[in-house]
């Protein structure tokens, strides 16, 4: 078992919705980011009944052996709020927060960045999970300052802050028949959130949320059963699996790894070899989106470069795609299947 085999597709899931075309704060299109796998704090979900959730549930089937050992890896993004401060007076530590700050021609603006978080529980004996187990975790709050200097000296700071996150992973194994067990996992956000605060919008809840949350499951000396194409005689067990907010599919190679994704995938998902990199938007076609990026004005491109490191890398990568790569993006024919004959 090697969880690294699914890292490429898992990273695509992790950053889905991180940024959406046209990748700049001033645009009125695609203003709502982070639309997949967002586990909000319970207090916020109570304010927004039916529209947000504080948990995700994964159920899948595993063929167990006495020596089987389970690994569960939780992955999500933690929002890092970036604010910009300008010094009120020269050589003073007193700052005021501003909407933008020009430093020798480079524009700095507030933004919601994201930090990758990963928590792994390994060497779990499925037989010991017949009684539920609960794993609590905490991501501490962090704060940092980066000084901004112009030619004549420091004029401001970038302030980055992330809030404390708390959550629980609950795991239980249910014996089915033969050597088949059902794994029931629930990942829950238990972060405190001031529902009585002055700002109760979604943007205020995101820093207290687990964003793009998903799980990678691995097993040694055992195997997972596909829920999309279960083995004969196990279709009823597959149908009995109740998945909420995500769907587990076989990943990597073989049947020892599963990816529980908030985005609907098929078994053994892969990144298309023609793709030059992540565009953060699964609803778009790489060729069309790349061409749209190239039609942005110089001013729009400058804003993208100054907004976010990942956006800048995306833009620079797109601008340097060679013609032969664009031809590959136009389409590739693969995986033809025979037409089944039948009644008209």
Foldseek 3Di string as FASTA:
>chain_A
DDLVLCVVVLVLLQLQQVAAPPQFCVDPPSNDGQPAPKQFAPLLCVVVPPPHHFKWKFKFKKQDDQQKKKKKKKKFKAKKKKWKWWDPDPPDPDTDTDQWDAAPNFIAGIDIDIDMDMDMDIRHGQVVQQPKDKDKDKDAKDKDWDFGAHPVGTTIIIIIIAHMWIWMKIWHWADDDDRMIMIMIMIGTNFDDPCVDPDSDPVRRRSHIGTSIKMKMFMDPMFTAALVDGDPPCVVVSVPIDTGQWYWAAERDGGGMIITGSDDDYHHDDDPPLDLDHPSHPVDQRLVVLVVLVPDDPVSLSSSCNYDPVSVVVSVSSVPDDPVSSVPSVDDDDDDDDDDDDDD
